[in-house]
Every structure is written in C-alpha cells, then in structure tokens.
C-alpha atoms as a PDB file:
ATOM      1  CA  UNK A   1      13.470  11.635  62.254  1.00  0.00           C
ATOM      2  CA  UNK A   2      16.131  10.049  60.073  1.00  0.00           C
ATOM      3  CA  UNK A   3      14.926   7.903  57.187  1.00  0.00           C
ATOM      4  CA  UNK A   4      17.816   6.473  55.179  1.00  0.00           C
ATOM      5  CA  UNK A   5      17.035   5.067  51.761  1.00  0.00           C
ATOM      6  CA  UNK A   6      19.738   3.245  49.832  1.00  0.00           C
ATOM      7  CA  UNK A   7      19.249   2.472  46.150  1.00  0.00           C
ATOM      8  CA  UNK A   8      21.813   0.273  44.424  1.00  0.00           C
ATOM      9  CA  UNK A   9      24.711  -1.381  46.201  1.00  0.00           C
ATOM     10  CA  UNK A  10      28.214  -1.884  44.843  1.00  0.00           C
ATOM     11  CA  UNK A  11      29.139  -5.490  44.186  1.00  0.00           C
ATOM     12  CA  UNK A  12      32.941  -5.132  44.208  1.00  0.00           C
ATOM     13  CA  UNK A  13      34.631  -6.642  47.239  1.00  0.00           C
ATOM     14  CA  UNK A  14      37.619  -5.079  48.987  1.00  0.00           C
ATOM     15  CA  UNK A  15      40.678  -5.239  46.757  1.00  0.00           C
ATOM     16  CA  UNK A  16      38.625  -6.244  43.697  1.00  0.00           C
ATOM     17  CA  UNK A  17      38.519  -3.688  40.913  1.00  0.00           C
ATOM     18  CA  UNK A  18      35.185  -3.348  39.149  1.00  0.00           C
ATOM     19  CA  UNK A  19      35.439  -4.655  35.606  1.00  0.00           C
ATOM     20  CA  UNK A  20      35.124  -2.084  32.812  1.00  0.00           C
ATOM     21  CA  UNK A  21      32.619  -4.356  31.091  1.00  0.00           C
ATOM     22  CA  UNK A  22      30.229  -4.017  34.063  1.00  0.00           C
ATOM     23  CA  UNK A  23      28.228  -0.884  34.615  1.00  0.00           C
ATOM     24  CA  UNK A  24      29.243   1.721  37.168  1.00  0.00           C
ATOM     25  CA  UNK A  25      27.750   0.832  40.558  1.00  0.00           C
ATOM     26  CA  UNK A  26      25.668   3.696  42.047  1.00  0.00           C
ATOM     27  CA  UNK A  27      24.957   4.211  45.713  1.00  0.00           C
ATOM     28  CA  UNK A  28      22.234   6.745  46.454  1.00  0.00           C
ATOM     29  CA  UNK A  29      21.394   7.764  50.019  1.00  0.00           C
ATOM     30  CA  UNK A  30      18.469   9.984  50.981  1.00  0.00           C
ATOM     31  CA  UNK A  31      18.070  11.189  54.551  1.00  0.00           C
ATOM     32  CA  UNK A  32      15.580  13.613  56.059  1.00  0.00           C
ATOM     33  CA  UNK A  33      14.944  15.223  59.426  1.00  0.00           C
ATOM     34  CA  UNK A  34      12.791  18.153  60.536  1.00  0.00           C
ATOM     35  CA  UNK A  35      13.183  20.656  57.717  1.00  0.00           C
ATOM     36  CA  UNK A  36      16.380  19.143  56.291  1.00  0.00           C
ATOM     37  CA  UNK A  37      17.051  16.774  53.418  1.00  0.00           C
ATOM     38  CA  UNK A  38      20.282  15.315  52.143  1.00  0.00           C
ATOM     39  CA  UNK A  39      20.754  13.468  48.857  1.00  0.00           C
ATOM     40  CA  UNK A  40      24.113  11.738  48.341  1.00  0.00           C
ATOM     41  CA  UNK A  41      25.125   9.946  45.170  1.00  0.00           C
ATOM     42  CA  UNK A  42      28.319   7.907  44.946  1.00  0.00           C
ATOM     43  CA  UNK A  43      29.438   5.902  41.942  1.00  0.00           C
ATOM     44  CA  UNK A  44      32.012   3.171  42.387  1.00  0.00           C
ATOM     45  CA  UNK A  45      33.834   3.397  39.069  1.00  0.00           C
ATOM     46  CA  UNK A  46      36.673   1.166  40.277  1.00  0.00           C
ATOM     47  CA  UNK A  47      37.701  -0.008  43.729  1.00  0.00           C
ATOM     48  CA  UNK A  48      40.012   3.028  43.816  1.00  0.00           C
ATOM     49  CA  UNK A  49      37.888   5.797  42.218  1.00  0.00           C
ATOM     50  CA  UNK A  50      34.575   7.011  43.667  1.00  0.00           C
ATOM     51  CA  UNK A  51      33.077  10.258  42.268  1.00  0.00           C
ATOM     52  CA  UNK A  52      30.186  11.786  44.219  1.00  0.00           C
ATOM     53  CA  UNK A  53      27.406  14.374  44.109  1.00  0.00           C
ATOM     54  CA  UNK A  54      25.544  15.846  47.056  1.00  0.00           C
ATOM     55  CA  UNK A  55      22.484  18.074  47.370  1.00  0.00           C
ATOM     56  CA  UNK A  56      21.517  19.493  50.765  1.00  0.00           C
ATOM     57  CA  UNK A  57      18.486  21.596  51.634  1.00  0.00           C
ATOM     58  CA  UNK A  58      17.437  23.119  54.940  1.00  0.00           C
ATOM     59  CA  UNK A  59      14.106  24.910  55.227  1.00  0.00           C
ATOM     60  CA  UNK A  60      13.559  26.508  58.620  1.00  0.00           C
ATOM     61  CA  UNK A  61      10.088  27.040  59.981  1.00  0.00           C
ATOM     62  CA  UNK A  62      10.965  30.299  61.722  1.00  0.00           C
ATOM     63  CA  UNK A  63      10.643  33.748  60.228  1.00  0.00           C
ATOM     64  CA  UNK A  64      13.372  35.717  62.055  1.00  0.00           C
ATOM     65  CA  UNK A  65      15.787  37.373  59.605  1.00  0.00           C
ATOM     66  CA  UNK A  66      19.245  38.709  60.372  1.00  0.00           C
ATOM     67  CA  UNK A  67      18.501  41.854  58.424  1.00  0.00           C
ATOM     68  CA  UNK A  68      20.330  43.762  55.708  1.00  0.00           C
ATOM     69  CA  UNK A  69      24.110  44.079  55.678  1.00  0.00           C
ATOM     70  CA  UNK A  70      25.438  47.049  57.644  1.00  0.00           C
ATOM     71  CA  UNK A  71      26.048  50.199  55.665  1.00  0.00           C
ATOM     72  CA  UNK A  72      27.453  53.654  56.338  1.00  0.00           C
ATOM     73  CA  UNK A  73      25.618  55.214  59.275  1.00  0.00           C
ATOM     74  CA  UNK A  74      23.309  52.275  59.971  1.00  0.00           C
ATOM     75  CA  UNK A  75      23.607  49.127  62.058  1.00  0.00           C
ATOM     76  CA  UNK A  76      21.541  46.911  59.741  1.00  0.00           C
ATOM     77  CA  UNK A  77      21.970  43.567  61.501  1.00  0.00           C
ATOM     78  CA  UNK A  78      19.950  42.280  64.432  1.00  0.00           C
ATOM     79  CA  UNK A  79      22.783  40.576  66.328  1.00  0.00           C
ATOM     80  CA  UNK A  80      20.691  39.893  69.441  1.00  0.00           C
ATOM     81  CA  UNK A  81      18.391  37.628  67.381  1.00  0.00           C
ATOM     82  CA  UNK A  82      21.136  35.273  66.078  1.00  0.00           C
ATOM     83  CA  UNK A  83      20.157  32.302  68.274  1.00  0.00           C
ATOM     84  CA  UNK A  84      16.615  32.421  66.833  1.00  0.00           C
ATOM     85  CA  UNK A  85      17.496  33.076  63.187  1.00  0.00           C
ATOM     86  CA  UNK A  86      15.734  31.008  60.545  1.00  0.00           C
ATOM     87  CA  UNK A  87      18.380  29.648  58.175  1.00  0.00           C
ATOM     88  CA  UNK A  88      17.357  28.379  54.754  1.00  0.00           C
ATOM     89  CA  UNK A  89      19.967  26.975  52.413  1.00  0.00           C
ATOM     90  CA  UNK A  90      20.306  24.901  49.255  1.00  0.00           C
ATOM     91  CA  UNK A  91      23.837  23.617  48.703  1.00  0.00           C
ATOM     92  CA  UNK A  92      25.355  21.310  46.091  1.00  0.00           C
ATOM     93  CA  UNK A  93      28.738  19.653  45.887  1.00  0.00           C
ATOM     94  CA  UNK A  94      30.625  17.526  43.412  1.00  0.00           C
ATOM     95  CA  UNK A  95      33.864  15.679  43.945  1.00  0.00           C
ATOM     96  CA  UNK A  96      35.420  12.327  44.502  1.00  0.00           C
ATOM     97  CA  UNK A  97      37.919  10.139  46.270  1.00  0.00           C
ATOM     98  CA  UNK A  98      40.925   8.346  44.813  1.00  0.00           C
ATOM     99  CA  UNK A  99      42.730   5.554  46.647  1.00  0.00           C
ATOM    100  CA  UNK A 100      46.361   6.203  45.747  1.00  0.00           C
ATOM    101  CA  UNK A 101      47.525   3.119  47.653  1.00  0.00           C
ATOM    102  CA  UNK A 102      45.840   0.672  50.037  1.00  0.00           C
ATOM    103  CA  UNK A 103      46.553   3.121  52.883  1.00  0.00           C
ATOM    104  CA  UNK A 104      46.415   6.589  51.267  1.00  0.00           C
ATOM    105  CA  UNK A 105      43.274   8.288  49.917  1.00  0.00           C
ATOM    106  CA  UNK A 106      42.939  11.734  48.353  1.00  0.00           C
ATOM    107  CA  UNK A 107      39.608  13.527  48.024  1.00  0.00           C
ATOM    108  CA  UNK A 108      38.530  16.776  46.379  1.00  0.00           C
ATOM    109  CA  UNK A 109      35.088  18.421  46.597  1.00  0.00           C
ATOM    110  CA  UNK A 110      33.653  21.696  45.312  1.00  0.00           C
ATOM    111  CA  UNK A 111      30.758  23.184  47.279  1.00  0.00           C
ATOM    112  CA  UNK A 112      28.364  25.909  46.140  1.00  0.00           C
ATOM    113  CA  UNK A 113      25.399  27.562  47.850  1.00  0.00           C
ATOM    114  CA  UNK A 114      22.617  27.682  45.250  1.00  0.00           C
ATOM    115  CA  UNK A 115      20.062  29.662  47.257  1.00  0.00           C
ATOM    116  CA  UNK A 116      19.937  30.903  50.826  1.00  0.00           C
ATOM    117  CA  UNK A 117      18.396  33.122  53.464  1.00  0.00           C
ATOM    118  CA  UNK A 118      20.408  34.157  56.522  1.00  0.00           C
ATOM    119  CA  UNK A 119      23.309  32.037  55.267  1.00  0.00           C
ATOM    120  CA  UNK A 120      26.607  33.045  53.767  1.00  0.00           C
ATOM    121  CA  UNK A 121      26.761  32.487  50.030  1.00  0.00           C
ATOM    122  CA  UNK A 122      30.004  30.852  49.022  1.00  0.00           C
ATOM    123  CA  UNK A 123      31.829  28.665  46.594  1.00  0.00           C
ATOM    124  CA  UNK A 124      34.443  26.493  48.246  1.00  0.00           C
ATOM    125  CA  UNK A 125      36.962  23.886  47.295  1.00  0.00           C
ATOM    126  CA  UNK A 126      37.908  21.311  49.908  1.00  0.00           C
ATOM    127  CA  UNK A 127      40.399  18.517  49.966  1.00  0.00           C
ATOM    128  CA  UNK A 128      41.213  15.551  52.152  1.00  0.00           C
ATOM    129  CA  UNK A 129      44.254  13.378  52.578  1.00  0.00           C
ATOM    130  CA  UNK A 130      43.683  10.274  54.676  1.00  0.00           C
ATOM    131  CA  UNK A 131      46.052   7.603  55.882  1.00  0.00           C
ATOM    132  CA  UNK A 132      44.910   4.231  57.189  1.00  0.00           C
ATOM    133  CA  UNK A 133      47.211   3.063  59.987  1.00  0.00           C
ATOM    134  CA  UNK A 134      45.762  -0.445  59.727  1.00  0.00           C
ATOM    135  CA  UNK A 135      45.083  -0.767  63.452  1.00  0.00           C
END
C-alpha cells in the first residue's frame, strides 16, 4: 500500500526565481508500504537550488539472520538462507540539486546507514549530472 502525503507546495513557476523576501518553500512527502517508510523533504530555495533530506526505514517481519561474519576456521554465514533474510535498515541522506543552466543540473547526496540488521553499514557520497535534451 502506497500512501503519499504532500505538505506544502512550492509557488514558484518554471523560470521564476523565488524572491528572497518570501519564505523557503518546503515539499514534504511521506510514503509507506508493508514494513517500509520513506520521508522526503525538499526545500525550494530558488528555482535553481533545491536542498533535500531523506529518511528511510525498512522493518522486516521475518526473523532469519545471515549470521556472524566469517572468521578463521569457521564459515559463519548462512548463504543458503539469503533469499529469506530479514533486512532491517534505517538510512538518512542529505544533499541537493543545483541547476547550472536551463539544461544542466548537478546533484550531490551523502547517505549513511544509521542502524541495520543483515544490511551493509556504509557511508556514501553520490553525485549526478543531468542534461535535458529538450525533446
């Protein structure tokens, strides 16, 4: 089940830069589905700059664990159970998108796993470069 909830909508139209005298326009989206929840926050600072925050949580109902990491002289991981593994994860990200021109956008996001079970713990930095062909 997917239940989107949008709070606050940006009032700037395409090509119109949001005035500095007006408040920053937030866009908050909440979506849920069987054991998962996603909270996205975007703030339209100007028509070209949009910082964002994201919080994602997945809580599996299963109880199968991968097992401990392998060590010297022991296998440690239950590889045959991978398709049935219960994955729990809490992940947060912060970043933003900058429209360099009307056709080129650059985005940077930092991701971090806050808590997990049967999930790799990582910090990651991701970037995007998009080009609008105007088709």
